[in-house]
Amino acid sequence: MATATPQRLPLDALATGAMLLLCVCWGFQQIAIKLVADDVAPIMQIGLRSTFAALVLAVVVWRGEGRRAFTDGTILPGLIVGLLFAGEFLFVAQGLLHTTASHMSVFLYTAPIFAALGLHWLLPEERMKPLQWLGVAIAFCGITVAFLVKDSQPAAPGGAGNMLLGDAMGLLAGLLWGATTVAIRKTSLSEAAPAKTLFYQMAVASVGLLAFAAATGQHGIRYTPAAMLSVGFQSVVVALSSYLAWFWLLRRYLASRLSILSFMTPLFGVSFGVLILDEPLDAGFVIGAAMVLAGITLVNGAEMVRQLLRRR
């Protein structure tokens, strides 16, 4: 039986422009969380934005498909993807308590590396070439450098040891994001409506993250204007609009190629962290981050590199 998978497209102007906008949005989300962390705990912020998005998406899905929405075999993969998504943002929220937004931006966006590895083993059309494997090796070397080479001055309130924990949580969040991409591509969610896929993720994240916040005493809210503005931005722009756009793109373009410009996200995230939060950057992290971004670029842009070389 033929599938629609081979019809997915390489990058075009629409995908490139959309990814750039998404990168700016996603690069700022860690900053938005950090800015009001004293008013609303990060885990609570993400739980609230997930709840808002889940409620809106439930209406969208119901209006579009009615009662048949959840009789198409997507419930089980939806729950799996939802758990992966909730785990990703649990690590993001807890990691931001220990490390900087700049570090979180880089380690979280190692996701394309993990996604490319998973898709390589599971989908023939996503097999990686030698140049992409070189990119994977460079990226993992960069992760090692960013982890191990630290300045003596801690860049997070909890100290250098806790910062290492926060960095590790960021990397685990990237792993889970990559696994989410693979799970969507490998299951019936691959052809499901983006709103439905996102609903599963937001609904599970809403329940799981708010429960975790309540259980750990992180559910308090100070209703300051900054807190309301940040949570509103995260709810409407990040959790709803940007992820809907992401899954819309994911259905139409090759997943491992779609992230060709994703290296811009940590660049934006680091820049925003330094300019807005006045976060310091140590030399080891900068070198490691550059290697990670170079590796991601090779993994997702190997075909473009080969085409450029052939033209010479």
Protein backbone atom coordinates (compact mmCIF):
# COMPACT_ATOMS: atom_id res chain seq x y z
CA MET A 1 0.00 0.00 0.00
CA ALA A 2 1.51 3.34 -1.03
CA THR A 3 2.06 6.02 1.59
CA ALA A 4 2.36 9.77 1.38
CA THR A 5 5.79 9.81 3.01
CA PRO A 6 7.85 10.01 -0.23
CA GLN A 7 5.81 13.09 -1.23
CA ARG A 8 7.40 15.19 1.52
CA LEU A 9 9.35 18.06 0.05
CA PRO A 10 12.82 19.51 0.47
CA LEU A 11 13.11 23.01 1.84
CA ASP A 12 11.59 25.87 -0.15
CA ALA A 13 11.10 29.58 0.53
CA LEU A 14 7.95 28.98 2.60
CA ALA A 15 9.62 26.44 4.89
CA THR A 16 12.74 28.58 5.26
CA GLY A 17 10.83 31.74 6.16
CA ALA A 18 8.54 29.90 8.55
CA MET A 19 11.46 28.23 10.30
CA LEU A 20 13.22 31.56 10.80
CA LEU A 21 10.14 33.00 12.49
CA LEU A 22 9.76 29.90 14.63
CA CYS A 23 13.42 30.10 15.63
CA VAL A 24 12.98 33.66 16.90
CA CYS A 25 9.88 32.63 18.84
CA TRP A 26 11.43 29.50 20.34
CA GLY A 27 14.69 31.28 21.08
CA PHE A 28 12.81 33.81 23.20
CA GLN A 29 10.62 31.36 25.11
CA GLN A 30 13.34 30.42 27.61
CA ILE A 31 13.90 34.13 28.25
CA ALA A 32 10.18 34.70 28.81
CA ILE A 33 10.14 31.89 31.38
CA LYS A 34 13.23 33.15 33.19
CA LEU A 35 12.03 36.76 33.30
CA VAL A 36 9.05 35.95 35.56
CA ALA A 37 10.34 32.83 37.33
CA ASP A 38 10.06 34.64 40.69
CA ASP A 39 6.36 35.28 40.07
CA VAL A 40 5.41 31.95 38.48
CA ALA A 41 7.57 28.84 38.69
CA PRO A 42 8.75 27.62 35.25
CA ILE A 43 6.87 24.31 35.59
CA MET A 44 3.67 26.23 36.39
CA GLN A 45 4.16 28.57 33.44
CA ILE A 46 4.49 25.68 31.02
CA GLY A 47 1.55 23.85 32.63
CA LEU A 48 -0.68 26.92 32.29
CA ARG A 49 0.26 27.57 28.68
CA SER A 50 -0.33 23.90 27.87
CA THR A 51 -3.77 24.05 29.48
CA PHE A 52 -4.76 27.09 27.43
CA ALA A 53 -3.55 25.51 24.22
CA ALA A 54 -5.25 22.18 24.99
CA LEU A 55 -8.62 23.86 25.56
CA VAL A 56 -8.43 25.85 22.32
CA LEU A 57 -7.26 22.82 20.35
CA ALA A 58 -10.01 20.62 21.79
CA VAL A 59 -12.56 23.01 20.29
CA VAL A 60 -10.71 23.12 16.96
CA VAL A 61 -10.47 19.33 16.72
CA TRP A 62 -14.09 18.78 17.76
CA ARG A 63 -15.38 21.30 15.23
CA GLY A 64 -13.26 19.77 12.48
CA GLU A 65 -13.88 16.08 13.09
CA GLY A 66 -16.61 15.71 15.70
CA ARG A 67 -16.98 12.38 17.49
CA ARG A 68 -14.87 10.54 14.94
CA ALA A 69 -11.80 12.58 15.97
CA PHE A 70 -10.50 9.93 18.34
CA THR A 71 -11.66 6.75 16.60
CA ASP A 72 -8.96 6.79 13.93
CA GLY A 73 -6.28 4.90 15.83
CA THR A 74 -4.39 7.97 17.02
CA ILE A 75 -5.19 7.78 20.74
CA LEU A 76 -2.36 5.42 21.73
CA PRO A 77 0.37 7.16 19.69
CA GLY A 78 -1.12 10.45 20.86
CA LEU A 79 -0.66 9.47 24.49
CA ILE A 80 2.90 8.32 23.82
CA VAL A 81 3.79 11.55 22.05
CA GLY A 82 2.06 13.49 24.82
CA LEU A 83 4.18 11.80 27.48
CA LEU A 84 7.37 12.51 25.53
CA PHE A 85 6.33 16.15 25.15
CA ALA A 86 5.47 16.47 28.84
CA GLY A 87 8.80 14.91 29.80
CA GLU A 88 10.64 17.31 27.52
CA PHE A 89 9.16 20.37 29.17
CA LEU A 90 9.46 18.94 32.66
CA PHE A 91 13.21 18.84 32.07
CA VAL A 92 13.15 22.33 30.53
CA ALA A 93 11.29 23.81 33.50
CA GLN A 94 13.39 22.11 36.15
CA GLY A 95 16.60 22.71 34.22
CA LEU A 96 15.94 26.45 34.09
CA LEU A 97 16.04 26.49 37.89
CA HIS A 98 19.72 25.52 37.72
CA THR A 99 21.18 26.75 34.45
CA THR A 100 20.91 29.83 32.25
CA ALA A 101 18.46 30.40 29.43
CA SER A 102 21.45 30.56 27.08
CA HIS A 103 22.64 27.09 28.04
CA MET A 104 19.12 25.68 27.91
CA SER A 105 18.63 27.07 24.39
CA VAL A 106 21.70 25.23 23.09
CA PHE A 107 21.18 21.91 24.83
CA LEU A 108 17.44 21.76 24.09
CA TYR A 109 18.05 22.32 20.41
CA THR A 110 20.25 19.30 20.07
CA ALA A 111 16.89 17.70 19.22
CA PRO A 112 17.54 17.59 15.44
CA ILE A 113 20.58 15.38 16.05
CA PHE A 114 18.55 12.86 18.04
CA ALA A 115 15.68 13.05 15.56
CA ALA A 116 18.02 12.41 12.62
CA LEU A 117 19.52 9.38 14.37
CA GLY A 118 16.10 7.90 15.12
CA LEU A 119 14.75 8.57 11.65
CA HIS A 120 17.88 7.07 10.08
CA TRP A 121 17.21 3.73 11.73
CA LEU A 122 13.45 3.70 11.24
CA LEU A 123 12.69 5.30 7.86
CA PRO A 124 14.56 4.43 4.63
CA GLU A 125 14.00 7.85 3.06
CA GLU A 126 15.68 9.51 6.04
CA ARG A 127 18.96 7.53 5.88
CA MET A 128 21.97 9.67 6.74
CA LYS A 129 24.99 10.03 4.50
CA PRO A 130 28.67 10.12 5.60
CA LEU A 131 28.71 13.91 5.79
CA GLN A 132 25.74 13.79 8.13
CA TRP A 133 27.45 11.22 10.34
CA LEU A 134 30.40 13.61 10.53
CA GLY A 135 27.96 16.27 11.71
CA VAL A 136 26.66 13.95 14.43
CA ALA A 137 30.22 13.30 15.64
CA ILE A 138 31.04 17.03 15.70
CA ALA A 139 27.83 17.82 17.58
CA PHE A 140 28.47 15.23 20.27
CA CYS A 141 32.06 16.43 20.66
CA GLY A 142 30.63 19.93 21.10
CA ILE A 143 28.22 18.69 23.77
CA THR A 144 31.16 17.15 25.63
CA VAL A 145 33.17 20.38 25.45
CA ALA A 146 30.21 22.49 26.58
CA PHE A 147 29.65 20.18 29.55
CA LEU A 148 33.21 19.62 30.72
CA VAL A 149 34.96 22.92 30.08
CA LYS A 150 33.63 25.35 32.67
CA ASP A 151 34.94 28.63 34.03
CA SER A 152 35.40 28.79 37.77
CA GLN A 153 32.69 31.45 38.09
CA PRO A 154 29.21 29.88 38.14
CA ALA A 155 26.69 31.33 35.74
CA ALA A 156 23.60 30.18 37.60
CA PRO A 157 22.35 30.93 41.13
CA GLY A 158 22.74 27.33 42.24
CA GLY A 159 26.48 27.19 41.46
CA ALA A 160 28.55 25.26 38.96
CA GLY A 161 27.48 21.82 40.17
CA ASN A 162 23.79 22.62 39.87
CA MET A 163 24.45 24.27 36.53
CA LEU A 164 25.80 20.99 35.24
CA LEU A 165 22.57 19.35 36.39
CA GLY A 166 20.55 22.00 34.56
CA ASP A 167 22.59 21.49 31.40
CA ALA A 168 22.01 17.73 31.61
CA MET A 169 18.27 18.33 31.92
CA GLY A 170 18.42 20.51 28.82
CA LEU A 171 20.14 17.72 26.91
CA LEU A 172 17.55 15.19 28.09
CA ALA A 173 14.82 17.59 26.96
CA GLY A 174 16.47 17.71 23.52
CA LEU A 175 16.55 13.91 23.42
CA LEU A 176 12.83 13.73 24.22
CA TRP A 177 12.01 16.36 21.61
CA GLY A 178 13.91 14.35 19.03
CA ALA A 179 12.04 11.21 20.11
CA THR A 180 8.75 13.09 19.75
CA THR A 181 9.57 13.96 16.15
CA VAL A 182 10.45 10.34 15.40
CA ALA A 183 7.26 9.05 17.06
CA ILE A 184 5.08 11.42 15.05
CA ARG A 185 6.73 10.43 11.78
CA LYS A 186 6.56 6.70 12.53
CA THR A 187 2.94 6.45 13.69
CA SER A 188 -0.52 7.34 12.39
CA LEU A 189 0.04 10.86 13.70
CA SER A 190 2.22 11.39 10.64
CA GLU A 191 -0.91 12.05 8.61
CA ALA A 192 -3.15 13.35 11.40
CA ALA A 193 -4.25 16.96 11.49
CA PRO A 194 -1.62 19.16 13.17
CA ALA A 195 -4.22 20.44 15.65
CA LYS A 196 -4.98 16.91 16.80
CA THR A 197 -1.31 15.98 17.23
CA LEU A 198 -0.72 19.15 19.20
CA PHE A 199 -3.86 18.58 21.29
CA TYR A 200 -2.55 15.22 22.48
CA GLN A 201 0.73 16.81 23.49
CA MET A 202 -0.77 19.80 25.24
CA ALA A 203 -3.47 17.82 27.04
CA VAL A 204 -1.00 15.32 28.52
CA ALA A 205 1.47 18.10 29.36
CA SER A 206 -1.27 20.13 31.03
CA VAL A 207 -2.32 17.33 33.36
CA GLY A 208 1.18 16.05 34.05
CA LEU A 209 2.97 19.37 34.57
CA LEU A 210 0.27 20.99 36.70
CA ALA A 211 0.14 17.85 38.85
CA PHE A 212 3.92 17.96 39.24
CA ALA A 213 3.77 21.67 40.14
CA ALA A 214 1.14 21.02 42.81
CA ALA A 215 2.98 18.01 44.21
CA THR A 216 6.27 19.91 44.53
CA GLY A 217 4.84 23.17 45.87
CA GLN A 218 5.59 25.14 42.69
CA HIS A 219 1.99 26.14 41.96
CA GLY A 220 1.96 29.62 43.51
CA ILE A 221 1.26 32.62 41.26
CA ARG A 222 1.93 36.31 41.77
CA TYR A 223 -0.34 38.16 39.35
CA THR A 224 2.09 40.83 38.21
CA PRO A 225 1.74 42.51 34.78
CA ALA A 226 5.03 40.95 33.65
CA ALA A 227 3.88 37.47 34.68
CA MET A 228 0.56 37.82 32.87
CA LEU A 229 2.24 39.15 29.74
CA SER A 230 4.82 36.35 29.71
CA VAL A 231 2.28 33.58 30.27
CA GLY A 232 0.02 35.12 27.62
CA PHE A 233 2.88 35.22 25.10
CA GLN A 234 3.80 31.62 25.86
CA SER A 235 0.19 30.46 25.62
CA VAL A 236 -0.89 32.17 22.41
CA VAL A 237 2.36 32.47 20.45
CA VAL A 238 4.56 29.61 21.67
CA ALA A 239 2.26 26.81 22.80
CA LEU A 240 -0.48 27.33 20.23
CA SER A 241 0.59 29.22 17.11
CA SER A 242 4.22 28.18 16.79
CA TYR A 243 3.65 24.49 17.42
CA LEU A 244 0.71 24.36 15.03
CA ALA A 245 3.00 25.87 12.39
CA TRP A 246 5.72 23.34 13.24
CA PHE A 247 3.45 20.33 12.80
CA TRP A 248 1.97 21.77 9.64
CA LEU A 249 5.50 21.95 8.24
CA LEU A 250 6.36 18.51 9.60
CA ARG A 251 3.57 16.94 7.54
CA ARG A 252 4.83 18.51 4.31
CA TYR A 253 8.62 18.45 4.44
CA LEU A 254 11.28 15.86 5.18
CA ALA A 255 11.78 15.98 8.94
CA SER A 256 15.57 15.77 8.92
CA ARG A 257 15.74 18.56 6.29
CA LEU A 258 13.07 20.71 7.91
CA SER A 259 15.47 21.66 10.70
CA ILE A 260 18.00 23.08 8.25
CA LEU A 261 17.68 26.50 9.88
CA SER A 262 17.05 25.30 13.44
CA PHE A 263 20.61 26.28 14.38
CA MET A 264 19.30 29.84 14.43
CA THR A 265 17.16 29.08 17.50
CA PRO A 266 20.01 28.64 20.00
CA LEU A 267 21.76 31.62 18.43
CA PHE A 268 18.70 33.73 19.12
CA GLY A 269 18.33 32.16 22.55
CA VAL A 270 21.93 32.87 23.55
CA SER A 271 21.76 36.42 22.16
CA PHE A 272 18.53 37.16 24.02
CA GLY A 273 19.97 35.67 27.21
CA VAL A 274 23.05 37.86 27.06
CA LEU A 275 21.25 41.06 25.98
CA ILE A 276 18.10 40.78 28.09
CA LEU A 277 19.11 38.70 31.12
CA ASP A 278 22.77 39.76 31.18
CA GLU A 279 23.86 36.12 31.30
CA PRO A 280 27.62 35.45 31.17
CA LEU A 281 29.17 33.11 28.62
CA ASP A 282 32.28 31.05 29.34
CA ALA A 283 34.75 30.14 26.60
CA GLY A 284 34.17 26.39 26.88
CA PHE A 285 30.44 26.77 26.39
CA VAL A 286 30.86 29.08 23.40
CA ILE A 287 33.28 26.66 21.69
CA GLY A 288 31.06 23.66 22.46
CA ALA A 289 27.93 25.46 21.30
CA ALA A 290 29.61 26.42 18.03
CA MET A 291 30.54 22.76 17.46
CA VAL A 292 26.97 21.66 18.23
CA LEU A 293 25.54 24.17 15.77
CA ALA A 294 28.09 23.17 13.11
CA GLY A 295 27.14 19.52 13.62
CA ILE A 296 23.42 20.27 13.35
CA THR A 297 24.05 22.24 10.20
CA LEU A 298 25.93 19.34 8.64
CA VAL A 299 23.29 16.81 9.63
CA ASN A 300 20.42 18.84 8.24
CA GLY A 301 22.23 20.57 5.40
CA ALA A 302 24.43 17.78 4.03
CA GLU A 303 22.48 17.59 0.78
CA MET A 304 22.84 21.32 0.18
CA VAL A 305 26.57 21.08 0.91
CA ARG A 306 26.93 18.24 -1.62
CA GLN A 307 25.01 20.23 -4.24
CA LEU A 308 27.26 23.25 -3.70
CA LEU A 309 30.37 21.11 -4.02
CA ARG A 310 29.08 19.54 -7.26
CA ARG A 311 28.56 23.01 -8.75
CA ARG A 312 32.20 23.96 -8.25
